[in-house]
Protein backbone atom coordinates (compact mmCIF):
# COMPACT_ATOMS: atom_id res chain seq x y z
CA UNK A 1 -8.64 -4.37 7.09
CA UNK A 2 -10.03 -5.65 3.77
CA UNK A 3 -13.61 -5.67 4.93
CA UNK A 4 -13.33 -2.16 5.54
CA UNK A 5 -13.34 -1.24 1.96
CA UNK A 6 -15.20 -3.84 0.22
CA UNK A 7 -17.60 -3.56 -2.68
CA UNK A 8 -20.67 -2.95 -0.01
CA UNK A 9 -18.53 0.12 1.17
CA UNK A 10 -18.71 1.49 -2.27
CA UNK A 11 -22.16 0.64 -2.88
CA UNK A 12 -23.14 2.42 0.16
CA UNK A 13 -21.30 5.78 -0.79
CA UNK A 14 -23.45 8.70 -1.65
CA UNK A 15 -22.29 8.72 -5.12
CA UNK A 16 -23.59 5.51 -5.47
CA UNK A 17 -27.14 6.59 -5.06
CA UNK A 18 -26.85 9.83 -6.64
CA UNK A 19 -24.35 9.86 -9.71
CA UNK A 20 -24.15 13.64 -10.28
CA UNK A 21 -22.88 14.03 -6.66
CA UNK A 22 -19.74 11.92 -7.28
CA UNK A 23 -16.89 13.29 -5.25
CA UNK A 24 -13.15 12.68 -4.35
CA UNK A 25 -14.09 10.78 -1.43
CA UNK A 26 -15.80 8.10 -3.57
CA UNK A 27 -13.00 7.92 -5.77
CA UNK A 28 -10.53 7.26 -2.69
CA UNK A 29 -12.63 4.51 -1.42
CA UNK A 30 -12.86 2.90 -4.73
CA UNK A 31 -9.13 2.84 -5.32
CA UNK A 32 -8.51 1.59 -1.71
CA UNK A 33 -10.90 -1.24 -2.83
CA UNK A 34 -9.76 -1.94 -6.01
CA UNK A 35 -6.05 -1.08 -5.94
CA UNK A 36 -5.29 -1.24 -2.28
CA UNK A 37 -1.43 -2.12 -2.81
CA UNK A 38 -0.59 0.37 -5.21
CA UNK A 39 1.53 3.36 -3.98
CA UNK A 40 -0.30 6.82 -4.07
CA UNK A 41 2.39 8.82 -2.70
CA UNK A 42 5.98 8.68 -1.72
CA UNK A 43 7.32 11.57 0.64
CA UNK A 44 10.81 11.99 -0.07
CA UNK A 45 12.86 12.85 3.17
CA UNK A 46 9.86 11.88 5.57
CA UNK A 47 9.29 8.71 7.40
CA UNK A 48 11.10 6.64 10.28
CA UNK A 49 14.34 6.39 7.96
CA UNK A 50 13.89 9.59 6.27
CA UNK A 51 16.45 10.03 3.22
CA UNK A 52 15.37 9.92 -0.46
CA UNK A 53 13.62 6.63 -0.18
CA UNK A 54 10.77 8.35 1.92
CA UNK A 55 7.64 7.42 3.79
CA UNK A 56 4.96 5.81 1.29
CA UNK A 57 1.26 5.59 1.34
CA UNK A 58 -0.51 3.00 -0.53
CA UNK A 59 -4.23 3.76 -1.27
CA UNK A 60 -5.18 1.21 1.47
CA UNK A 61 -3.18 2.88 4.04
CA UNK A 62 -4.19 6.46 2.99
CA UNK A 63 -7.69 5.31 3.28
CA UNK A 64 -7.38 3.64 6.52
CA UNK A 65 -5.52 6.86 8.02
CA UNK A 66 -7.87 9.33 6.44
CA UNK A 67 -11.10 7.35 7.56
CA UNK A 68 -9.97 6.94 11.00
CA UNK A 69 -9.04 10.41 11.32
CA UNK A 70 -12.29 11.46 9.73
CA UNK A 71 -14.41 9.51 12.21
CA UNK A 72 -12.49 11.45 14.92
CA UNK A 73 -13.61 14.80 13.28
CA UNK A 74 -17.08 13.73 13.12
CA UNK A 75 -17.22 12.66 16.87
CA UNK A 76 -16.23 16.13 17.85
CA UNK A 77 -19.02 17.46 15.45
CA UNK A 78 -16.80 19.02 12.81
CA UNK A 79 -19.19 17.96 9.95
CA UNK A 80 -19.70 21.29 8.03
CA UNK A 81 -17.27 23.09 10.23
CA UNK A 82 -13.86 24.82 9.23
CA UNK A 83 -10.52 23.02 10.09
CA UNK A 84 -7.18 24.74 9.89
CA UNK A 85 -4.67 22.66 8.23
CA UNK A 86 -1.11 23.77 9.34
CA UNK A 87 1.61 21.37 8.63
CA UNK A 88 5.45 21.18 8.05
CA UNK A 89 4.99 17.38 7.13
CA UNK A 90 3.73 16.95 3.49
CA UNK A 91 2.46 13.23 4.47
CA UNK A 92 0.30 14.42 7.30
CA UNK A 93 -0.86 17.22 5.17
CA UNK A 94 -2.24 14.84 2.71
CA UNK A 95 -3.88 12.55 5.35
CA UNK A 96 -5.58 15.41 7.07
CA UNK A 97 -7.11 16.93 3.86
CA UNK A 98 -8.60 13.65 2.79
CA UNK A 99 -9.77 13.28 6.46
CA UNK A 100 -11.43 16.72 6.37
CA UNK A 101 -13.17 15.70 2.84
CA UNK A 102 -14.21 12.24 4.31
CA UNK A 103 -15.58 13.86 7.54
CA UNK A 104 -17.58 16.37 5.35
CA UNK A 105 -15.57 19.14 7.25
CA UNK A 106 -14.32 22.32 5.28
CA UNK A 107 -10.60 22.12 5.25
CA UNK A 108 -8.49 25.40 5.42
CA UNK A 109 -5.17 24.93 4.22
CA UNK A 110 -2.58 27.50 5.37
CA UNK A 111 1.14 28.06 5.43
CA UNK A 112 3.00 27.22 8.54
CA UNK A 113 4.03 30.26 10.47
CA UNK A 114 7.62 30.38 10.08
CA UNK A 115 7.73 34.25 10.27
CA UNK A 116 5.91 37.03 12.05
CA UNK A 117 4.17 37.78 8.91
CA UNK A 118 3.19 34.38 8.26
CA UNK A 119 1.95 34.04 11.75
CA UNK A 120 -0.17 37.13 11.21
CA UNK A 121 -1.58 35.66 8.28
CA UNK A 122 -2.70 32.54 9.91
CA UNK A 123 -4.40 34.65 12.58
CA UNK A 124 -6.15 36.31 9.93
CA UNK A 125 -7.30 33.28 8.06
CA UNK A 126 -8.32 31.56 11.56
CA UNK A 127 -10.56 34.62 12.27
CA UNK A 128 -12.07 35.33 9.15
CA UNK A 129 -12.92 31.38 8.48
CA UNK A 130 -14.34 31.04 11.93
CA UNK A 131 -12.31 27.91 12.41
CA UNK A 132 -13.55 25.40 14.85
CA UNK A 133 -10.50 23.15 14.84
CA UNK A 134 -7.12 23.08 13.62
CA UNK A 135 -4.36 20.35 13.15
CA UNK A 136 -0.89 21.31 13.39
CA UNK A 137 2.28 18.74 13.59
CA UNK A 138 4.88 20.73 15.40
CA UNK A 139 5.58 22.42 18.61
CA UNK A 140 6.39 25.80 16.73
CA UNK A 141 2.98 25.50 14.88
CA UNK A 142 1.09 24.51 18.11
CA UNK A 143 2.66 27.37 20.11
CA UNK A 144 1.48 29.83 17.33
CA UNK A 145 -1.80 28.13 17.12
CA UNK A 146 -2.58 28.43 20.92
CA UNK A 147 -1.62 32.06 20.57
CA UNK A 148 -4.27 32.97 18.00
CA UNK A 149 -6.67 33.96 20.65
CA UNK A 150 -9.51 31.74 19.52
CA UNK A 151 -10.59 29.68 22.56
CA UNK A 152 -12.99 27.69 21.01
CA UNK A 153 -10.77 26.42 18.42
CA UNK A 154 -9.97 22.60 19.28
CA UNK A 155 -6.63 21.52 18.27
CA UNK A 156 -5.66 18.06 17.26
CA UNK A 157 -1.92 17.04 17.37
CA UNK A 158 -1.38 14.36 14.91
CA UNK A 159 1.79 13.27 16.49
CA UNK A 160 0.07 11.90 19.42
CA UNK A 161 -3.09 10.55 16.93
CA UNK A 162 -0.43 8.66 14.87
CA UNK A 163 0.81 6.53 17.49
CA UNK A 164 0.22 2.91 17.31
CA UNK A 165 -1.90 2.77 14.46
CA UNK A 166 -4.63 4.54 16.58
CA UNK A 167 -6.18 6.26 13.47
CA UNK A 168 -6.45 3.23 11.39
CA UNK A 169 -8.04 1.39 14.26
CA UNK A 170 -10.82 3.82 14.11
CA UNK A 171 -11.27 3.47 10.44
CA UNK A 172 -14.35 1.32 10.94
CA UNK A 173 -15.95 3.95 12.83
CA UNK A 174 -16.21 6.19 9.73
CA UNK A 175 -19.65 6.91 8.29
CA UNK A 176 -19.70 8.73 4.48
CA UNK A 177 -21.28 12.15 4.84
CA UNK A 178 -24.13 13.05 2.59
CA UNK A 179 -22.10 15.48 0.09
CA UNK A 180 -23.56 17.23 -2.95
CA UNK A 181 -22.01 18.77 -5.81
CA UNK A 182 -22.32 22.21 -4.34
CA UNK A 183 -21.33 21.15 -0.85
CA UNK A 184 -17.98 22.99 0.30
CA UNK A 185 -14.81 20.88 0.16
CA UNK A 186 -12.33 23.60 1.34
CA UNK A 187 -11.33 27.36 1.53
CA UNK A 188 -8.32 28.20 -0.49
CA UNK A 189 -6.91 31.45 0.73
CA UNK A 190 -5.92 33.78 -1.97
CA UNK A 191 -2.10 35.04 -1.78
CA UNK A 192 -2.86 38.68 -1.03
CA UNK A 193 -1.10 40.07 -3.74
CA UNK A 194 -3.26 43.00 -3.55
CA UNK A 195 -4.85 43.01 -0.15
CA UNK A 196 -5.82 40.89 2.71
CA UNK A 197 -6.33 37.08 1.98
CA UNK A 198 -10.05 36.07 1.09
CA UNK A 199 -11.12 32.50 1.09
CA UNK A 200 -12.19 31.18 -2.14
CA UNK A 201 -15.18 28.56 -1.72
CA UNK A 202 -14.31 25.55 -3.55
CA UNK A 203 -17.01 22.88 -3.66
CA UNK A 204 -16.77 18.94 -4.22
CA UNK A 205 -18.27 19.65 -7.74
CA UNK A 206 -15.72 22.28 -8.71
CA UNK A 207 -12.85 19.81 -7.48
CA UNK A 208 -14.23 17.04 -9.79
CA UNK A 209 -14.81 19.34 -12.81
CA UNK A 210 -11.23 20.95 -12.57
CA UNK A 211 -9.79 17.56 -11.93
CA UNK A 212 -11.29 16.10 -15.23
CA UNK A 213 -10.04 19.24 -17.24
CA UNK A 214 -6.61 18.88 -15.78
CA UNK A 215 -6.60 15.01 -16.78
CA UNK A 216 -7.78 15.58 -19.94
CA UNK A 217 -5.37 18.50 -20.79
CA UNK A 218 -2.25 16.77 -19.55
CA UNK A 219 -3.19 13.36 -20.59
CA UNK A 220 -2.56 11.76 -16.98
CA UNK A 221 -3.75 8.31 -16.43
CA UNK A 222 -2.39 5.47 -14.32
CA UNK A 223 0.91 5.22 -16.27
CA UNK A 224 1.83 8.73 -15.26
CA UNK A 225 4.72 9.10 -12.69
CA UNK A 226 4.78 12.53 -11.15
CA UNK A 227 7.08 14.42 -8.85
CA UNK A 228 5.83 17.57 -6.85
CA UNK A 229 7.99 20.14 -5.11
CA UNK A 230 5.36 22.59 -4.44
CA UNK A 231 3.62 23.86 -1.25
CA UNK A 232 0.76 21.84 -0.96
CA UNK A 233 -1.28 24.47 0.94
CA UNK A 234 -1.48 26.43 -2.22
CA UNK A 235 -3.67 25.63 -5.01
CA UNK A 236 -1.00 24.47 -7.72
CA UNK A 237 0.48 21.90 -5.12
CA UNK A 238 -2.98 21.03 -3.72
CA UNK A 239 -5.08 20.61 -6.79
CA UNK A 240 -2.63 19.99 -9.54
CA UNK A 241 -0.47 17.59 -7.18
CA UNK A 242 -2.37 15.95 -4.37
CA UNK A 243 -6.05 15.91 -5.63
CA UNK A 244 -4.81 15.02 -9.33
CA UNK A 245 -2.93 12.30 -8.11
CA UNK A 246 -5.92 10.50 -6.44
CA UNK A 247 -7.96 11.59 -9.15
CA UNK A 248 -6.31 10.14 -11.93
CA UNK A 249 -4.91 7.18 -10.09
CA UNK A 250 -0.89 7.51 -10.78
CA UNK A 251 2.18 7.42 -8.31
CA UNK A 252 3.37 10.63 -7.24
CA UNK A 253 6.44 11.62 -5.30
CA UNK A 254 6.54 14.54 -3.11
CA UNK A 255 9.62 16.74 -2.26
CA UNK A 256 9.61 19.68 0.01
CA UNK A 257 9.88 22.98 -1.53
CA UNK A 258 12.89 23.92 0.85
CA UNK A 259 14.62 20.81 -0.32
CA UNK A 260 14.27 22.03 -3.90
CA UNK A 261 15.60 25.58 -3.11
CA UNK A 262 18.50 24.00 -1.15
CA UNK A 263 19.38 21.70 -3.96
CA UNK A 264 17.86 22.41 -7.12
CA UNK A 265 19.85 19.81 -9.14
CA UNK A 266 17.99 17.19 -6.89
CA UNK A 267 14.76 18.04 -8.84
CA UNK A 268 16.17 16.78 -12.04
CA UNK A 269 18.14 14.06 -10.61
CA UNK A 270 14.97 12.57 -9.33
CA UNK A 271 13.22 13.22 -12.48
CA UNK A 272 16.16 11.04 -14.01
CA UNK A 273 16.18 8.34 -11.53
CA UNK A 274 12.51 7.91 -11.04
CA UNK A 275 11.68 8.27 -14.75
CA UNK A 276 9.14 11.16 -13.97
CA UNK A 277 7.03 12.39 -16.99
CA UNK A 278 5.01 15.09 -15.10
CA UNK A 279 6.61 17.68 -12.89
CA UNK A 280 6.81 21.60 -12.90
CA UNK A 281 5.81 24.69 -11.14
CA UNK A 282 6.07 28.47 -11.29
CA UNK A 283 8.75 30.55 -13.53
CA UNK A 284 11.21 30.62 -10.80
CA UNK A 285 11.86 27.22 -10.45
CA UNK A 286 13.15 26.88 -13.98
CA UNK A 287 14.84 30.01 -13.80
CA UNK A 288 16.72 28.81 -10.45
CA UNK A 289 17.49 25.43 -11.99
CA UNK A 290 19.08 27.10 -15.22
CA UNK A 291 21.18 29.36 -13.08
CA UNK A 292 22.62 27.24 -10.58
CA UNK A 293 22.76 23.80 -11.78
CA UNK A 294 26.28 22.84 -13.01
CA UNK A 295 27.60 20.23 -15.29
CA UNK A 296 28.92 17.99 -12.50
CA UNK A 297 25.56 17.99 -10.97
CA UNK A 298 24.32 16.29 -14.17
CA UNK A 299 26.33 13.29 -14.54
CA UNK A 300 24.30 10.44 -15.67
CA UNK A 301 21.10 12.43 -15.78
CA UNK A 302 18.55 11.55 -18.43
CA UNK A 303 15.55 13.90 -18.75
CA UNK A 304 13.94 11.96 -21.76
CA UNK A 305 11.15 10.69 -19.68
CA UNK A 306 9.89 14.15 -19.01
CA UNK A 307 6.78 14.63 -20.92
CA UNK A 308 5.03 17.28 -19.21
CA UNK A 309 7.03 20.46 -17.62
CA UNK A 310 4.08 22.64 -16.65
CA UNK A 311 4.65 26.11 -15.84
CA UNK A 312 2.21 28.68 -14.09
CA UNK A 313 1.37 30.60 -11.30
CA UNK A 314 3.33 33.59 -12.03
CA UNK A 315 4.35 35.34 -15.39
CA UNK A 316 6.07 32.84 -17.67
CA UNK A 317 9.18 34.42 -18.95
CA UNK A 318 10.19 33.52 -22.66
CA UNK A 319 13.74 34.10 -21.55
CA UNK A 320 13.58 31.50 -18.70
CA UNK A 321 12.07 28.76 -21.44
CA UNK A 322 14.74 29.38 -23.59
CA UNK A 323 17.45 29.22 -21.25
CA UNK A 324 16.18 26.44 -19.56
CA UNK A 325 15.62 24.49 -22.66
CA UNK A 326 19.10 25.38 -24.34
CA UNK A 327 20.86 24.14 -21.07
CA UNK A 328 19.34 20.89 -20.52
CA UNK A 329 18.46 19.79 -24.02
CA UNK A 330 21.93 17.97 -24.18
CA UNK A 331 20.20 15.85 -21.23
CA UNK A 332 17.07 14.74 -23.10
CA UNK A 333 14.87 17.58 -22.21
CA UNK A 334 12.55 18.49 -25.33
CA UNK A 335 11.11 21.96 -25.98
CA UNK A 336 7.83 20.43 -26.81
CA UNK A 337 7.85 19.25 -22.97
CA UNK A 338 7.08 22.70 -21.70
CA UNK A 339 3.37 23.14 -20.68
CA UNK A 340 2.58 26.79 -19.97
CA UNK A 341 -0.74 27.13 -18.28
CA UNK A 342 -2.81 29.64 -16.72
CA UNK A 343 -5.15 29.20 -13.56
CA UNK A 344 -6.05 30.73 -10.17
CA UNK A 345 -7.79 29.88 -6.88
CA UNK A 346 -10.97 31.58 -8.00
CA UNK A 347 -11.45 28.97 -10.86
CA UNK A 348 -10.23 26.03 -8.52
CA UNK A 349 -7.04 26.04 -10.37
CA UNK A 350 -6.81 24.89 -14.06
CA UNK A 351 -8.35 27.42 -16.75
CA UNK A 352 -6.11 26.94 -19.80
CA UNK A 353 -3.42 24.67 -20.90
CA UNK A 354 -1.05 24.36 -24.02
CA UNK A 355 -1.27 21.62 -26.55
CA UNK A 356 0.96 18.59 -25.60
CA UNK A 357 4.18 17.99 -27.43
CA UNK A 358 4.23 21.61 -29.03
CA UNK A 359 6.95 23.97 -28.41
CA UNK A 360 5.38 27.19 -26.21
CA UNK A 361 3.82 29.91 -28.75
CA UNK A 362 5.43 33.54 -28.32
CA UNK A 363 4.14 36.75 -29.16
CA UNK A 364 4.67 40.56 -28.69
CA UNK A 365 2.80 42.24 -25.72
CA UNK A 366 0.44 44.75 -26.34
CA UNK A 367 2.76 47.37 -24.95
CA UNK A 368 5.55 45.99 -27.32
CA UNK A 369 7.75 44.86 -24.50
CA UNK A 370 9.00 41.70 -23.71
CA UNK A 371 7.70 38.54 -25.55
CA UNK A 372 4.70 36.98 -23.98
CA UNK A 373 4.21 32.93 -23.70
CA UNK A 374 0.85 31.51 -24.90
CA UNK A 375 -0.75 29.58 -21.87
CA UNK A 376 -3.08 27.66 -24.18
CA UNK A 377 -6.51 26.84 -24.47
CA UNK A 378 -9.60 26.13 -22.09
CA UNK A 379 -11.52 23.06 -21.88
CA UNK A 380 -14.98 23.05 -23.73
CA UNK A 381 -16.87 23.48 -20.62
CA UNK A 382 -14.96 26.78 -20.05
CA UNK A 383 -15.74 30.14 -21.49
CA UNK A 384 -13.06 32.90 -21.81
CA UNK A 385 -13.75 36.34 -22.94
CA UNK A 386 -11.44 39.32 -23.03
CA UNK A 387 -13.37 42.35 -22.03
CA UNK A 388 -12.90 46.13 -21.89
CA UNK A 389 -12.86 46.54 -18.02
CA UNK A 390 -14.15 50.05 -18.36
CA UNK A 391 -17.46 49.67 -20.31
CA UNK A 392 -17.72 45.48 -19.80
CA UNK A 393 -17.72 44.92 -23.84
CA UNK A 394 -16.05 41.95 -25.10
CA UNK A 395 -12.90 42.77 -27.24
CA UNK A 396 -11.88 41.01 -30.89
CA UNK A 397 -9.13 38.68 -30.92
CA UNK A 398 -5.60 40.32 -30.84
CA UNK A 399 -6.78 42.97 -28.50
CA UNK A 400 -5.69 43.45 -25.02
CA UNK A 401 -8.27 43.58 -21.99
CA UNK A 402 -9.41 41.98 -18.83
CA UNK A 403 -9.73 38.14 -18.68
CA UNK A 404 -13.05 37.08 -17.79
CA UNK A 405 -14.01 33.20 -17.15
CA UNK A 406 -17.05 31.27 -16.92
CA UNK A 407 -17.67 27.35 -16.33
CA UNK A 408 -18.19 24.71 -13.93
CA UNK A 409 -14.55 24.89 -12.45
CA UNK A 410 -15.34 28.69 -11.46
CA UNK A 411 -15.49 28.60 -7.38
CA UNK A 412 -18.68 29.66 -5.35
CA UNK A 413 -17.09 32.94 -4.16
CA UNK A 414 -15.25 34.41 -1.09
CA UNK A 415 -16.20 33.29 2.22
CA UNK A 416 -18.07 35.78 4.49
CA UNK A 417 -17.39 38.61 1.73
CA UNK A 418 -20.53 39.11 -0.35
CA UNK A 419 -19.25 42.59 -1.83
CA UNK A 420 -16.13 40.88 -3.47
CA UNK A 421 -18.07 37.83 -4.41
CA UNK A 422 -20.66 40.12 -6.17
CA UNK A 423 -17.82 42.20 -7.86
CA UNK A 424 -15.48 39.34 -8.82
CA UNK A 425 -17.86 36.44 -9.44
CA UNK A 426 -21.02 37.69 -10.67
CA UNK A 427 -19.78 40.04 -13.80
CA UNK A 428 -21.91 40.26 -16.78
CA UNK A 429 -21.38 41.87 -20.31
CA UNK A 430 -22.79 44.92 -20.94
CA UNK A 431 -24.98 44.42 -23.96
CA UNK A 432 -25.83 40.80 -24.05
CA UNK A 433 -26.03 40.51 -20.18
CA UNK A 434 -24.22 37.02 -20.74
CA UNK A 435 -22.71 35.67 -17.51
CA UNK A 436 -22.12 35.34 -14.63
CA UNK A 437 -18.36 35.69 -15.35
CA UNK A 438 -15.24 35.70 -12.99
CA UNK A 439 -13.35 38.94 -13.46
CA UNK A 440 -9.79 37.47 -12.89
CA UNK A 441 -8.24 40.72 -12.74
CA UNK A 442 -5.32 39.57 -15.14
CA UNK A 443 -4.76 41.30 -18.55
CA UNK A 444 -4.51 39.17 -21.74
CA UNK A 445 -5.61 38.56 -25.37
CA UNK A 446 -6.39 35.75 -27.69
CA UNK A 447 -4.63 34.70 -30.83
CA UNK A 448 -5.48 31.92 -32.84
CA UNK A 449 -7.40 30.75 -29.55
CA UNK A 450 -4.45 30.72 -27.68
CA UNK A 451 -4.52 32.89 -24.39
CA UNK A 452 -1.60 35.05 -23.80
CA UNK A 453 -1.57 36.74 -20.20
CA UNK A 454 0.34 39.92 -20.22
CA UNK A 455 -0.04 41.29 -16.42
CA UNK A 456 -2.39 42.42 -13.71
CA UNK A 457 -4.92 45.24 -14.24
CA UNK A 458 -4.27 46.81 -10.78
CA UNK A 459 -0.59 46.65 -11.24
CA UNK A 460 -0.83 48.27 -14.91
CA UNK A 461 1.59 51.18 -15.15
CA UNK A 462 0.31 54.29 -16.89
CA UNK A 463 2.52 56.96 -17.79
CA UNK A 464 1.58 60.00 -20.06
CA UNK A 465 -1.27 57.81 -21.54
CA UNK A 466 0.98 55.05 -22.34
CA UNK A 467 0.54 51.59 -20.72
CA UNK A 468 3.13 49.48 -19.57
CA UNK A 469 3.20 45.90 -17.95
CA UNK A 470 5.25 46.06 -14.62
CA UNK A 471 7.18 42.78 -15.21
CA UNK A 472 8.31 44.11 -18.72
CA UNK A 473 9.97 46.95 -16.90
CA UNK A 474 11.19 44.58 -14.08
CA UNK A 475 12.73 42.08 -16.57
CA UNK A 476 14.56 45.12 -18.59
CA UNK A 477 15.94 46.45 -15.31
CA UNK A 478 17.04 42.84 -13.94
CA UNK A 479 19.31 42.58 -17.33
CA UNK A 480 20.86 45.85 -16.77
CA UNK A 481 23.25 44.98 -14.28
CA UNK A 482 24.56 41.51 -12.80
CA UNK A 483 24.06 42.72 -9.06
CA UNK A 484 20.32 42.39 -9.29
CA UNK A 485 18.54 39.39 -8.04
CA UNK A 486 16.75 37.56 -10.74
CA UNK A 487 13.01 37.84 -10.06
CA UNK A 488 13.67 40.15 -7.16
CA UNK A 489 11.94 43.35 -8.64
CA UNK A 490 8.91 45.64 -8.36
CA UNK A 491 7.77 48.38 -10.46
CA UNK A 492 5.07 50.87 -9.49
CA UNK A 493 4.00 54.38 -9.89
CA UNK A 494 2.79 57.16 -7.49
CA UNK A 495 0.56 60.04 -8.33
CA UNK A 496 2.02 63.61 -7.31
CA UNK A 497 -0.31 66.34 -8.58
CA UNK A 498 -0.93 65.62 -12.21
CA UNK A 499 2.26 63.59 -12.53
CA UNK A 500 3.17 59.83 -12.25
CA UNK A 501 6.19 59.04 -10.65
CA UNK A 502 7.73 55.65 -11.79
CA UNK A 503 9.70 53.77 -9.09
CA UNK A 504 11.61 50.69 -9.04
CA UNK A 505 12.63 48.61 -6.11
CA UNK A 506 14.94 45.79 -6.64
CA UNK A 507 16.76 43.09 -4.29
CA UNK A 508 20.53 42.91 -4.60
CA UNK A 509 22.12 39.52 -4.75
CA UNK A 510 23.78 38.58 -1.33
CA UNK A 511 27.27 38.93 -2.60
CA UNK A 512 26.72 42.50 -3.32
CA UNK A 513 25.60 43.69 0.23
CA UNK A 514 29.30 44.82 1.07
CA UNK A 515 29.81 46.52 -2.56
CA UNK A 516 28.26 49.64 -1.49
CA UNK A 517 30.72 51.88 -3.41
CA UNK A 518 29.20 50.14 -6.53
CA UNK A 519 25.57 50.63 -5.52
CA UNK A 520 25.39 53.92 -7.48
CA UNK A 521 26.48 52.15 -10.64
CA UNK A 522 23.69 49.64 -10.21
CA UNK A 523 21.09 52.36 -9.82
CA UNK A 524 22.43 54.33 -13.08
CA UNK A 525 22.38 51.08 -15.02
CA UNK A 526 18.77 50.48 -14.27
CA UNK A 527 17.62 54.13 -15.05
CA UNK A 528 19.70 53.80 -18.28
CA UNK A 529 18.12 50.55 -19.44
CA UNK A 530 14.59 51.78 -18.84
CA UNK A 531 15.22 54.99 -20.63
CA UNK A 532 16.79 53.06 -23.56
CA UNK A 533 14.10 50.19 -23.71
CA UNK A 534 10.89 52.21 -23.03
CA UNK A 535 11.90 56.06 -23.06
CA UNK A 536 10.78 56.41 -19.52
CA UNK A 537 12.35 58.16 -16.57
CA UNK A 538 12.81 56.30 -13.43
CA UNK A 539 12.11 58.67 -10.63
CA UNK A 540 13.62 56.39 -8.00
CA UNK A 541 15.55 53.36 -7.77
CA UNK A 542 15.26 51.53 -4.16
CA UNK A 543 17.89 48.95 -3.68
CA UNK A 544 16.80 46.22 -1.32
CA UNK A 545 18.53 43.45 1.12
CA UNK A 546 17.79 40.15 -0.34
CA UNK A 547 14.43 38.69 0.85
CA UNK A 548 13.13 42.18 1.75
CA UNK A 549 10.70 42.55 -1.23
CA UNK A 550 7.00 42.05 -0.10
CA UNK A 551 5.84 38.74 -1.60
CA UNK A 552 2.64 36.49 -1.13
CA UNK A 553 2.86 33.11 0.57
CA UNK A 554 3.53 31.50 -2.88
CA UNK A 555 6.23 33.86 -3.67
CA UNK A 556 4.53 36.50 -5.81
CA UNK A 557 5.61 39.92 -5.79
CA UNK A 558 3.14 42.40 -3.92
CA UNK A 559 3.41 45.42 -5.70
CA UNK A 560 0.88 47.05 -4.36
CA UNK A 561 2.24 46.39 -0.76
CA UNK A 562 5.30 47.95 -2.10
CA UNK A 563 3.72 50.88 -3.10
CA UNK A 564 2.15 51.30 0.45
CA UNK A 565 5.40 50.40 2.30
CA UNK A 566 7.22 53.00 -0.02
CA UNK A 567 4.79 55.83 0.81
CA UNK A 568 4.79 54.71 4.62
CA UNK A 569 8.57 54.65 4.83
CA UNK A 570 8.82 51.08 5.36
CA UNK A 571 10.54 50.06 2.02
CA UNK A 572 13.78 50.34 3.45
CA UNK A 573 16.79 50.68 1.22
CA UNK A 574 20.03 48.76 1.63
CA UNK A 575 22.16 50.19 4.51
CA UNK A 576 25.99 49.68 4.21
CA UNK A 577 27.08 46.99 6.43
CA UNK A 578 29.42 47.53 9.28
CA UNK A 579 32.86 46.61 8.51
CA UNK A 580 33.68 43.16 9.89
CA UNK A 581 36.24 43.14 13.04
CA UNK A 582 39.01 40.68 12.62
CA UNK A 583 40.38 39.97 16.12
CA UNK A 584 44.19 39.25 15.99
CA UNK A 585 45.02 35.58 16.91
CA UNK A 586 47.68 37.03 19.47
CA UNK A 587 44.77 38.90 21.26
CA UNK A 588 43.08 35.39 21.81
CA UNK A 589 46.17 33.56 22.53
CA UNK A 590 48.39 35.94 24.55
CA UNK A 591 52.13 34.65 25.15
């Protein structure tokens, strides 16, 4: 198959003729030609043998599989059309994503519909995107897909296509599409933390620019060894993981998020065994690891190779960084390895990152609450302004406002939503008319150039003229009683007449479900901690069952949905469990 990816193939790629239109497709073609036997991905737990060795894909194999699939998509007239990617398999997700890019199709990654809520999300996304095709990899996904009610969607079952090397045999049929920098690469549907998901239009140029920024900020090169335990349909796993791997050309190991949640110790054990230098995820991963990993899990573990422990996608807690660093420092983890960063789908992914090798910077939030972690600095091609959202005036350093972003990594807008696109992607400063800027909806401030993110504009709690970040109140409440689930709270307000009512909803830990006699003590502890720490009265404390708090597909708390559910009577408090009935053994074995 060497003749498939020769210098002639590279010379005939669109980017060879127009350098400014160079894309990730061109990079994959080049890597397959110049380093065909280098392993790009190892998928832990996948493949014929399963286990921790996993299925591997070299650049040649990735190219052949993706090119063969791309030719099939082209044969079905899907160039320029939207294609749903709905996978349980990480390996097939990667192959299918690159197949869409190589076909000139527009990939639409989404979470597999494991629950009815996610099935509804899939239906919403399929309808909004106007999907012409879908690629699932399981009976469960296929059944949900068939039931979407979109008769004009063509479904490809990759399990059938993968038999007997059928896709690789089609690789010679692939024809490079004519891609420009502004050609759409994929639609990244937002988590929907404050409403229905919207499809962010990410171009091939956005992908290249953001990948370049990410590579420079993290110091990634061919010597980097990475481990990802993130959902690949989400921007952090997709852009920061899969795309960054091919762009920078380093080997990556991929484990499923479920594998991490079941055994967090395997994350650190693999980092040690594989001498990983780059791995990370949201705050909850570090928090869970610090909570549940015991000394007996760490025998022989050496974390000294871990150079970049990136953390983002949700509020970064100073207490989590301190607890994680303290617990794992004896095993070689360094405080300077923590790499707090800030990004969002609307900016492709990466916006700011910390300085490599320096411990995270902490500062006090504007409301005087919990310490805030600095998320670092933007690329020179990216401009950040802190703006008063009411009058659209830029604010001086140290003053909190809405974070506005401008630059080549900002996406093209929301798919088929011109009103939201105009509001979010085309903001301009009032007096200078500078812009356009992306209105992130996040609050923050700059200190010595470092960006400190303090909360969400729509989630901001205002009581008697005082502003409070909801995650400050949630963190205060979380520490009030050991029965509360870490990261399982939502603070929000309701307006009744001219009064604001403060509500705190919190999940109980699983072992507290049968301790209903003590629930009143938990509620009292929450009220007392908020009164003591913030001089606020909590009007209602709602204790929830584990997993009952509304969240996005990436795990973020949906505070707006909590408020809606509370008003509609759907945010149901924990009910006492029925006592367990123990049947006497004599009744089962009568004499």
